[in-house]
N, C-alpha and C. Protein backbone atom coordinates (compact mmCIF):
# COMPACT_ATOMS: atom_id res chain seq x y z
N UNK A 1 20.57 73.10 -3.97
CA UNK A 1 20.30 71.73 -4.22
C UNK A 1 21.17 70.99 -3.36
N UNK A 2 20.74 69.79 -3.25
CA UNK A 2 21.39 68.82 -2.44
C UNK A 2 22.61 68.24 -3.08
N UNK A 3 22.68 68.09 -4.37
CA UNK A 3 23.83 67.58 -5.24
C UNK A 3 25.07 68.69 -5.19
N UNK A 4 24.69 69.85 -5.00
CA UNK A 4 25.61 70.92 -5.11
C UNK A 4 26.48 71.13 -3.80
N UNK A 5 25.86 70.55 -2.63
CA UNK A 5 26.56 70.74 -1.42
C UNK A 5 27.86 69.90 -1.40
N UNK A 6 28.70 70.41 -0.58
CA UNK A 6 30.05 69.74 -0.50
C UNK A 6 30.11 69.20 0.93
N UNK A 7 30.64 68.09 1.11
CA UNK A 7 31.03 67.63 2.43
C UNK A 7 32.18 68.27 3.12
N UNK A 8 32.14 68.63 4.35
CA UNK A 8 33.23 69.27 4.95
C UNK A 8 34.20 68.29 5.54
N UNK A 9 33.75 66.90 5.67
CA UNK A 9 34.88 66.03 6.14
C UNK A 9 35.49 65.43 4.86
N UNK A 10 36.78 65.19 5.02
CA UNK A 10 37.54 64.42 4.00
C UNK A 10 37.11 62.99 4.08
N UNK A 11 37.10 62.40 2.73
CA UNK A 11 36.80 61.11 2.44
C UNK A 11 38.08 60.18 2.82
N UNK A 12 37.84 59.29 3.65
CA UNK A 12 38.97 58.37 4.05
C UNK A 12 38.46 56.96 4.17
N UNK A 13 39.31 56.04 3.78
CA UNK A 13 39.00 54.65 4.06
C UNK A 13 39.64 54.25 5.48
N UNK A 14 38.88 53.59 6.19
CA UNK A 14 39.26 53.11 7.47
C UNK A 14 39.52 51.67 7.56
N UNK A 15 40.38 51.20 8.37
CA UNK A 15 40.70 49.85 8.59
C UNK A 15 39.52 49.34 9.48
N UNK A 16 39.27 47.97 9.46
CA UNK A 16 38.30 47.42 10.17
C UNK A 16 38.52 47.65 11.66
N UNK A 17 37.48 47.49 12.53
CA UNK A 17 37.65 47.97 13.87
C UNK A 17 38.66 47.05 14.54
N UNK A 18 38.77 45.85 14.08
CA UNK A 18 39.81 44.90 14.65
C UNK A 18 41.24 45.37 14.52
N UNK A 19 41.47 46.27 13.49
CA UNK A 19 42.82 46.86 13.22
C UNK A 19 43.72 45.83 12.56
N UNK A 20 43.11 44.83 11.89
CA UNK A 20 43.90 43.77 11.27
C UNK A 20 44.60 44.31 10.01
N UNK A 21 43.89 44.94 9.22
CA UNK A 21 44.59 45.28 7.80
C UNK A 21 43.87 46.64 7.33
N UNK A 22 44.68 47.26 6.48
CA UNK A 22 44.21 48.55 5.99
C UNK A 22 43.13 48.26 4.76
N UNK A 23 42.33 49.13 4.52
CA UNK A 23 41.44 48.91 3.42
C UNK A 23 42.16 48.96 2.06
N UNK A 24 41.77 48.25 1.03
CA UNK A 24 42.41 48.28 -0.15
C UNK A 24 42.43 49.66 -0.76
N UNK A 25 41.37 50.49 -0.59
CA UNK A 25 41.35 51.85 -1.13
C UNK A 25 42.45 52.60 -0.39
N UNK A 26 42.77 52.56 0.84
CA UNK A 26 43.76 53.30 1.59
C UNK A 26 45.14 52.90 0.96
N UNK A 27 45.37 51.65 0.80
CA UNK A 27 46.66 51.13 0.07
C UNK A 27 46.77 51.77 -1.26
N UNK A 28 45.70 51.75 -2.05
CA UNK A 28 45.77 52.42 -3.36
C UNK A 28 46.17 53.92 -3.36
N UNK A 29 45.50 54.51 -2.32
CA UNK A 29 45.78 56.00 -2.20
C UNK A 29 47.26 56.13 -1.79
N UNK A 30 47.80 55.36 -0.91
CA UNK A 30 49.17 55.30 -0.56
C UNK A 30 50.09 55.30 -1.77
N UNK A 31 49.79 54.19 -2.51
CA UNK A 31 50.53 53.93 -3.70
C UNK A 31 50.61 55.15 -4.64
N UNK A 32 49.27 55.65 -4.99
CA UNK A 32 49.20 56.78 -5.85
C UNK A 32 49.90 57.99 -5.46
N UNK A 33 49.93 58.22 -4.11
CA UNK A 33 50.42 59.34 -3.48
C UNK A 33 51.95 59.23 -3.67
N UNK A 34 52.54 57.98 -3.34
CA UNK A 34 53.96 57.90 -3.49
C UNK A 34 54.36 58.02 -4.86
N UNK A 35 53.54 57.53 -5.74
CA UNK A 35 53.96 57.68 -7.25
C UNK A 35 53.93 59.19 -7.61
N UNK A 36 53.12 59.87 -7.08
CA UNK A 36 52.93 61.35 -7.48
C UNK A 36 54.02 62.03 -6.80
N UNK A 37 54.47 61.65 -5.57
CA UNK A 37 55.68 62.28 -4.99
C UNK A 37 56.85 62.02 -5.91
N UNK A 38 57.05 61.05 -6.34
CA UNK A 38 58.19 60.64 -7.10
C UNK A 38 58.17 61.42 -8.33
N UNK A 39 57.04 61.52 -9.01
CA UNK A 39 56.91 62.38 -10.18
C UNK A 39 57.29 63.88 -9.94
N UNK A 40 56.81 64.36 -8.80
CA UNK A 40 57.08 65.71 -8.30
C UNK A 40 58.52 65.96 -8.19
N UNK A 41 59.24 65.03 -7.55
CA UNK A 41 60.61 65.08 -7.26
C UNK A 41 61.41 65.13 -8.61
N UNK A 42 61.05 64.24 -9.52
CA UNK A 42 61.69 64.23 -10.92
C UNK A 42 61.52 65.44 -11.58
N UNK A 43 60.28 65.97 -11.64
CA UNK A 43 59.90 67.13 -12.29
C UNK A 43 60.77 68.47 -11.67
N UNK A 44 60.85 68.44 -10.51
CA UNK A 44 61.73 69.50 -9.81
C UNK A 44 63.04 69.42 -10.15
N UNK A 45 63.63 68.18 -10.32
CA UNK A 45 65.11 67.98 -10.66
C UNK A 45 65.16 68.54 -12.09
N UNK A 46 64.20 68.08 -12.98
CA UNK A 46 64.29 68.53 -14.37
C UNK A 46 64.19 70.04 -14.56
N UNK A 47 63.44 70.64 -13.71
CA UNK A 47 63.28 72.20 -13.75
C UNK A 47 64.66 72.76 -13.34
N UNK A 48 65.13 72.24 -12.25
CA UNK A 48 66.57 72.86 -11.82
C UNK A 48 67.52 72.72 -12.78
N UNK A 49 67.59 71.55 -13.52
CA UNK A 49 68.58 71.26 -14.67
C UNK A 49 68.37 72.28 -15.79
N UNK A 50 67.09 72.49 -16.18
CA UNK A 50 66.75 73.37 -17.22
C UNK A 50 67.16 74.79 -16.74
N UNK A 51 66.96 75.24 -15.62
CA UNK A 51 67.39 76.55 -15.09
C UNK A 51 68.93 76.61 -15.18
N UNK A 52 69.69 75.65 -14.78
CA UNK A 52 71.06 75.66 -14.85
C UNK A 52 71.54 75.92 -16.39
N UNK A 53 70.84 75.11 -17.25
CA UNK A 53 71.12 75.23 -18.74
C UNK A 53 70.89 76.62 -19.28
N UNK A 54 69.63 77.17 -18.67
CA UNK A 54 69.36 78.56 -19.16
C UNK A 54 70.38 79.48 -18.78
N UNK A 55 70.88 79.45 -17.53
CA UNK A 55 71.89 80.28 -16.97
C UNK A 55 73.15 80.22 -17.90
N UNK A 56 73.70 78.97 -18.07
CA UNK A 56 74.80 78.82 -18.75
C UNK A 56 74.73 79.42 -20.31
N UNK A 57 73.64 79.15 -20.81
CA UNK A 57 73.45 79.59 -22.17
C UNK A 57 73.30 81.17 -22.24
N UNK A 58 72.73 81.68 -21.23
CA UNK A 58 72.69 83.25 -21.19
C UNK A 58 74.06 83.83 -21.00
N UNK A 59 74.98 83.17 -20.25
CA UNK A 59 76.34 83.62 -20.14
C UNK A 59 77.00 83.53 -21.40
N UNK A 60 76.88 82.44 -22.12
CA UNK A 60 77.57 82.22 -23.42
C UNK A 60 77.07 83.30 -24.41
N UNK A 61 75.77 83.49 -24.41
CA UNK A 61 75.20 84.40 -25.36
C UNK A 61 75.66 85.87 -25.04
N UNK A 62 75.78 86.20 -23.72
CA UNK A 62 76.40 87.58 -23.33
C UNK A 62 77.78 87.58 -23.85
N UNK A 63 78.55 86.63 -23.66
CA UNK A 63 79.98 86.50 -24.01
C UNK A 63 80.08 86.73 -25.51
N UNK A 64 79.32 86.09 -26.23
CA UNK A 64 79.35 86.10 -27.68
C UNK A 64 79.05 87.45 -28.21
N UNK A 65 77.95 88.20 -27.53
CA UNK A 65 77.59 89.47 -27.93
C UNK A 65 78.61 90.49 -27.64
N UNK A 66 79.20 90.38 -26.44
CA UNK A 66 80.49 91.31 -26.20
C UNK A 66 81.58 91.16 -27.15
N UNK A 67 81.92 89.87 -27.50
CA UNK A 67 83.04 89.55 -28.45
C UNK A 67 82.63 90.31 -29.75
N UNK A 68 81.35 89.99 -30.26
CA UNK A 68 80.96 90.59 -31.55
C UNK A 68 81.03 92.19 -31.60
N UNK A 69 80.68 92.77 -30.39
CA UNK A 69 80.73 94.13 -30.33
C UNK A 69 82.07 94.58 -30.42
N UNK A 70 82.96 93.97 -29.68
CA UNK A 70 84.44 94.47 -29.67
C UNK A 70 85.08 94.32 -31.17
N UNK A 71 84.76 93.24 -31.89
CA UNK A 71 85.25 92.92 -33.14
C UNK A 71 84.73 93.95 -34.18
N UNK A 72 83.50 94.21 -33.99
CA UNK A 72 82.87 95.22 -34.92
C UNK A 72 83.51 96.62 -34.84
N UNK A 73 84.05 96.85 -33.68
CA UNK A 73 84.60 98.25 -33.43
C UNK A 73 85.95 98.40 -34.07
N UNK A 74 86.73 97.27 -34.39
CA UNK A 74 87.87 97.30 -35.05
C UNK A 74 87.96 97.73 -36.39
N UNK A 75 88.97 98.34 -36.94
CA UNK A 75 89.13 98.67 -38.32
C UNK A 75 89.28 97.42 -39.08
N UNK A 76 88.97 97.53 -40.46
CA UNK A 76 89.03 96.40 -41.21
C UNK A 76 90.50 95.82 -41.40
N UNK A 77 91.48 96.68 -41.26
CA UNK A 77 92.91 96.32 -41.44
C UNK A 77 93.47 95.55 -40.30
N UNK A 78 92.74 95.46 -39.23
CA UNK A 78 93.27 94.88 -38.04
C UNK A 78 93.32 93.31 -38.20
N UNK A 79 94.65 92.79 -37.87
CA UNK A 79 94.72 91.43 -37.94
C UNK A 79 94.16 90.73 -36.71
N UNK A 80 93.39 89.74 -37.07
CA UNK A 80 92.77 88.93 -35.92
C UNK A 80 93.00 87.48 -36.35
N UNK A 81 93.02 86.70 -35.15
CA UNK A 81 93.30 85.33 -35.27
C UNK A 81 92.25 84.55 -34.43
N UNK A 82 91.87 83.47 -35.02
CA UNK A 82 90.89 82.66 -34.39
C UNK A 82 91.42 81.50 -33.65
N UNK A 83 91.17 81.38 -32.26
CA UNK A 83 91.79 80.25 -31.55
C UNK A 83 91.31 78.94 -32.00
N UNK A 84 92.33 77.99 -31.98
CA UNK A 84 91.97 76.57 -32.42
C UNK A 84 92.53 75.64 -31.26
N UNK A 85 91.91 74.72 -30.90
CA UNK A 85 92.44 73.87 -29.95
C UNK A 85 92.40 74.46 -28.38
N UNK A 86 93.00 73.68 -27.52
CA UNK A 86 93.12 74.18 -26.23
C UNK A 86 94.41 75.01 -26.00
N UNK A 87 94.33 75.77 -24.92
CA UNK A 87 95.58 76.53 -24.71
C UNK A 87 96.03 76.15 -23.28
C-alpha cells in the first residue's frame, strides 16, 4: 500500500533560496537536539556517579564480610575492641 512505504530521503527544512534566514522548523530541531544532547550528557554523568558508588559500596561490603568471617572464627573468650574515633 502507498501509506506503508517509507521515504528514503531524510526530511529537512531548508532556508529560502535567498539564504536570508533558516526555517523555524530547522531552528526548533536544533534547539530540541541541543536539549537532548544536554540530557544525554547529564544522564551519562549520573550513570558514572552511580557506577562509582556501586564500586565503593561493593568494596565496603567485601571488607565487612571479611571482617565478619575473621571475627566468627575467634573463640568466645577472645577479647576484642571496637574502634572509636580517628586514629
